[in-house]
Amino acid sequence: MHRGRESGVGRRNAAWALFWVALLGSSAAGEGSSSPLFRDADLQLGEQLIVEHKCEACHIKRVGGDGTSIYSPVGRIRSASALLAMVEACNTEMGLGMFPEEVAAVAAVLNRDHYEFD
């Protein structure tokens, strides 16, 4: 079973690498000021994953209060791509094992609820 987990991690890393290559390629093509990062994201999946992975509880432990102040550290998250990278950092740090489309879904919910990047 452990061996299967390793192959799953390898697939996730490969999928993540392909995601970033596609993302950077579309950014370089110049799609204007509108970010394509969240266009096809599954918001319902993102909401489900936020609950499933207990993101709010972790944020409360880290910043106190209701945890929402984690979404507004001055100067930290200034773009949709920075938000996506931050969600991936949480995914990696917490060992959540989310696939790129799941990371994008979570980031899309956070964008909708807290950031509103184009």
C-alpha atoms as a PDB file:
ATOM      1  CA  MET A   1       0.000   0.000   0.000  1.00  0.00           C
ATOM      2  CA  HIS A   2       2.853   2.374   0.763  1.00  0.00           C
ATOM      3  CA  ARG A   3       4.250   1.697  -2.687  1.00  0.00           C
ATOM      4  CA  GLY A   4       0.969   2.763  -4.300  1.00  0.00           C
ATOM      5  CA  ARG A   5       1.040   5.988  -2.308  1.00  0.00           C
ATOM      6  CA  GLU A   6       4.480   6.787  -3.712  1.00  0.00           C
ATOM      7  CA  SER A   7       3.249   6.345  -7.271  1.00  0.00           C
ATOM      8  CA  GLY A   8       0.249   8.569  -6.454  1.00  0.00           C
ATOM      9  CA  VAL A   9       2.590  11.270  -5.179  1.00  0.00           C
ATOM     10  CA  GLY A  10       4.640  11.006  -8.368  1.00  0.00           C
ATOM     11  CA  ARG A  11       1.508  11.380 -10.494  1.00  0.00           C
ATOM     12  CA  ARG A  12       0.434  14.420  -8.479  1.00  0.00           C
ATOM     13  CA  ASN A  13       3.863  16.021  -8.859  1.00  0.00           C
ATOM     14  CA  ALA A  14       3.840  15.363 -12.594  1.00  0.00           C
ATOM     15  CA  ALA A  15       0.297  16.703 -12.899  1.00  0.00           C
ATOM     16  CA  TRP A  16       1.262  19.803 -10.929  1.00  0.00           C
ATOM     17  CA  ALA A  17       4.278  20.400 -13.162  1.00  0.00           C
ATOM     18  CA  LEU A  18       2.096  20.122 -16.278  1.00  0.00           C
ATOM     19  CA  PHE A  19      -0.439  22.493 -14.729  1.00  0.00           C
ATOM     20  CA  TRP A  20       2.221  25.172 -14.165  1.00  0.00           C
ATOM     21  CA  VAL A  21       3.655  24.715 -17.657  1.00  0.00           C
ATOM     22  CA  ALA A  22       0.181  25.206 -19.112  1.00  0.00           C
ATOM     23  CA  LEU A  23      -0.473  28.166 -16.829  1.00  0.00           C
ATOM     24  CA  LEU A  24       2.762  29.933 -17.617  1.00  0.00           C
ATOM     25  CA  GLY A  25       2.302  29.247 -21.290  1.00  0.00           C
ATOM     26  CA  SER A  26      -1.156  30.829 -21.306  1.00  0.00           C
ATOM     27  CA  SER A  27       0.111  33.806 -19.305  1.00  0.00           C
ATOM     28  CA  ALA A  28       2.919  34.335 -21.763  1.00  0.00           C
ATOM     29  CA  ALA A  29       0.426  34.281 -24.609  1.00  0.00           C
ATOM     30  CA  GLY A  30      -1.099  37.429 -23.143  1.00  0.00           C
ATOM     31  CA  GLU A  31      -4.724  36.815 -22.320  1.00  0.00           C
ATOM     32  CA  GLY A  32      -5.179  40.387 -21.125  1.00  0.00           C
ATOM     33  CA  SER A  33      -5.719  41.478 -17.557  1.00  0.00           C
ATOM     34  CA  SER A  34      -8.312  38.792 -16.834  1.00  0.00           C
ATOM     35  CA  SER A  35      -6.803  35.778 -15.070  1.00  0.00           C
ATOM     36  CA  PRO A  36      -7.712  32.395 -16.545  1.00  0.00           C
ATOM     37  CA  LEU A  37      -6.702  30.591 -13.356  1.00  0.00           C
ATOM     38  CA  PHE A  38     -10.170  30.180 -11.907  1.00  0.00           C
ATOM     39  CA  ARG A  39     -12.293  30.205 -15.043  1.00  0.00           C
ATOM     40  CA  ASP A  40     -13.063  26.470 -15.064  1.00  0.00           C
ATOM     41  CA  ALA A  41     -12.648  25.834 -11.341  1.00  0.00           C
ATOM     42  CA  ASP A  42     -15.261  23.739  -9.557  1.00  0.00           C
ATOM     43  CA  LEU A  43     -16.449  26.036  -6.745  1.00  0.00           C
ATOM     44  CA  GLN A  44     -18.576  23.347  -5.124  1.00  0.00           C
ATOM     45  CA  LEU A  45     -15.553  21.034  -4.974  1.00  0.00           C
ATOM     46  CA  GLY A  46     -13.454  23.863  -3.517  1.00  0.00           C
ATOM     47  CA  GLU A  47     -16.017  24.524  -0.785  1.00  0.00           C
ATOM     48  CA  GLN A  48     -16.131  20.798   0.019  1.00  0.00           C
ATOM     49  CA  LEU A  49     -12.330  20.532   0.207  1.00  0.00           C
ATOM     50  CA  ILE A  50     -12.068  23.567   2.511  1.00  0.00           C
ATOM     51  CA  VAL A  51     -14.431  21.839   4.950  1.00  0.00           C
ATOM     52  CA  GLU A  52     -12.892  18.377   4.484  1.00  0.00           C
ATOM     53  CA  HIS A  53      -9.345  19.578   5.136  1.00  0.00           C
ATOM     54  CA  LYS A  54     -10.422  21.797   8.060  1.00  0.00           C
ATOM     55  CA  CYS A  55      -8.726  24.877   6.626  1.00  0.00           C
ATOM     56  CA  GLU A  56     -10.604  27.215   8.968  1.00  0.00           C
ATOM     57  CA  ALA A  57      -9.429  25.354  12.094  1.00  0.00           C
ATOM     58  CA  CYS A  58      -5.802  25.563  10.937  1.00  0.00           C
ATOM     59  CA  HIS A  59      -6.145  29.278  10.158  1.00  0.00           C
ATOM     60  CA  ILE A  60      -7.648  29.918  13.605  1.00  0.00           C
ATOM     61  CA  LYS A  61      -4.672  28.161  15.200  1.00  0.00           C
ATOM     62  CA  ARG A  62      -2.249  30.239  13.139  1.00  0.00           C
ATOM     63  CA  VAL A  63      -3.768  33.722  13.408  1.00  0.00           C
ATOM     64  CA  GLY A  64      -6.438  33.523  16.101  1.00  0.00           C
ATOM     65  CA  GLY A  65      -9.899  35.022  16.035  1.00  0.00           C
ATOM     66  CA  ASP A  66     -12.116  33.510  13.370  1.00  0.00           C
ATOM     67  CA  GLY A  67      -9.098  32.797  11.142  1.00  0.00           C
ATOM     68  CA  THR A  68     -10.106  35.142   8.338  1.00  0.00           C
ATOM     69  CA  SER A  69      -7.270  37.594   8.974  1.00  0.00           C
ATOM     70  CA  ILE A  70      -4.997  35.047   7.290  1.00  0.00           C
ATOM     71  CA  TYR A  71      -6.541  36.159   3.990  1.00  0.00           C
ATOM     72  CA  SER A  72      -5.337  39.730   4.274  1.00  0.00           C
ATOM     73  CA  PRO A  73      -1.693  39.898   5.319  1.00  0.00           C
ATOM     74  CA  VAL A  74      -0.427  43.193   3.939  1.00  0.00           C
ATOM     75  CA  GLY A  75       1.296  42.737   0.587  1.00  0.00           C
ATOM     76  CA  ARG A  76       1.441  38.956   0.714  1.00  0.00           C
ATOM     77  CA  ILE A  77      -1.179  37.947  -1.839  1.00  0.00           C
ATOM     78  CA  ARG A  78      -1.389  40.451  -4.686  1.00  0.00           C
ATOM     79  CA  SER A  79      -2.489  38.343  -7.631  1.00  0.00           C
ATOM     80  CA  ALA A  80      -4.481  35.290  -8.587  1.00  0.00           C
ATOM     81  CA  SER A  81      -1.274  33.369  -9.278  1.00  0.00           C
ATOM     82  CA  ALA A  82       0.090  34.265  -5.819  1.00  0.00           C
ATOM     83  CA  LEU A  83      -3.166  33.012  -4.286  1.00  0.00           C
ATOM     84  CA  LEU A  84      -2.898  29.754  -6.209  1.00  0.00           C
ATOM     85  CA  ALA A  85       0.717  29.368  -5.075  1.00  0.00           C
ATOM     86  CA  MET A  86      -0.280  29.985  -1.445  1.00  0.00           C
ATOM     87  CA  VAL A  87      -2.973  27.311  -1.585  1.00  0.00           C
ATOM     88  CA  GLU A  88      -0.421  24.921  -3.095  1.00  0.00           C
ATOM     89  CA  ALA A  89       1.987  25.818  -0.261  1.00  0.00           C
ATOM     90  CA  CYS A  90      -0.701  24.873   2.275  1.00  0.00           C
ATOM     91  CA  ASN A  91      -1.381  21.686   0.318  1.00  0.00           C
ATOM     92  CA  THR A  92       2.298  20.751   0.452  1.00  0.00           C
ATOM     93  CA  GLU A  93       2.952  21.869   4.028  1.00  0.00           C
ATOM     94  CA  MET A  94      -0.076  20.048   5.395  1.00  0.00           C
ATOM     95  CA  GLY A  95       0.433  16.966   3.210  1.00  0.00           C
ATOM     96  CA  LEU A  96      -3.127  17.185   1.893  1.00  0.00           C
ATOM     97  CA  GLY A  97      -2.358  15.477  -1.413  1.00  0.00           C
ATOM     98  CA  MET A  98      -4.699  17.622  -3.485  1.00  0.00           C
ATOM     99  CA  PHE A  99      -4.424  17.446  -7.249  1.00  0.00           C
ATOM    100  CA  PRO A 100      -3.843  20.675  -9.238  1.00  0.00           C
ATOM    101  CA  GLU A 101      -7.523  20.990 -10.155  1.00  0.00           C
ATOM    102  CA  GLU A 102      -8.433  20.663  -6.465  1.00  0.00           C
ATOM    103  CA  VAL A 103      -5.907  23.340  -5.494  1.00  0.00           C
ATOM    104  CA  ALA A 104      -7.396  25.580  -8.180  1.00  0.00           C
ATOM    105  CA  ALA A 105     -10.919  24.887  -6.877  1.00  0.00           C
ATOM    106  CA  VAL A 106      -9.946  25.901  -3.331  1.00  0.00           C
ATOM    107  CA  ALA A 107      -8.141  28.996  -4.601  1.00  0.00           C
ATOM    108  CA  ALA A 108     -11.183  29.933  -6.690  1.00  0.00           C
ATOM    109  CA  VAL A 109     -13.428  29.835  -3.613  1.00  0.00           C
ATOM    110  CA  LEU A 110     -10.957  31.979  -1.671  1.00  0.00           C
ATOM    111  CA  ASN A 111     -10.760  34.365  -4.597  1.00  0.00           C
ATOM    112  CA  ARG A 112     -14.534  34.626  -4.741  1.00  0.00           C
ATOM    113  CA  ASP A 113     -14.947  35.088  -0.976  1.00  0.00           C
ATOM    114  CA  HIS A 114     -11.878  37.137   0.000  1.00  0.00           C
ATOM    115  CA  TYR A 115      -9.780  38.503  -2.881  1.00  0.00           C
ATOM    116  CA  GLU A 116     -11.795  39.134  -6.068  1.00  0.00           C
ATOM    117  CA  PHE A 117      -8.855  39.079  -8.494  1.00  0.00           C
ATOM    118  CA  ASP A 118      -9.839  39.423 -12.145  1.00  0.00           C
END
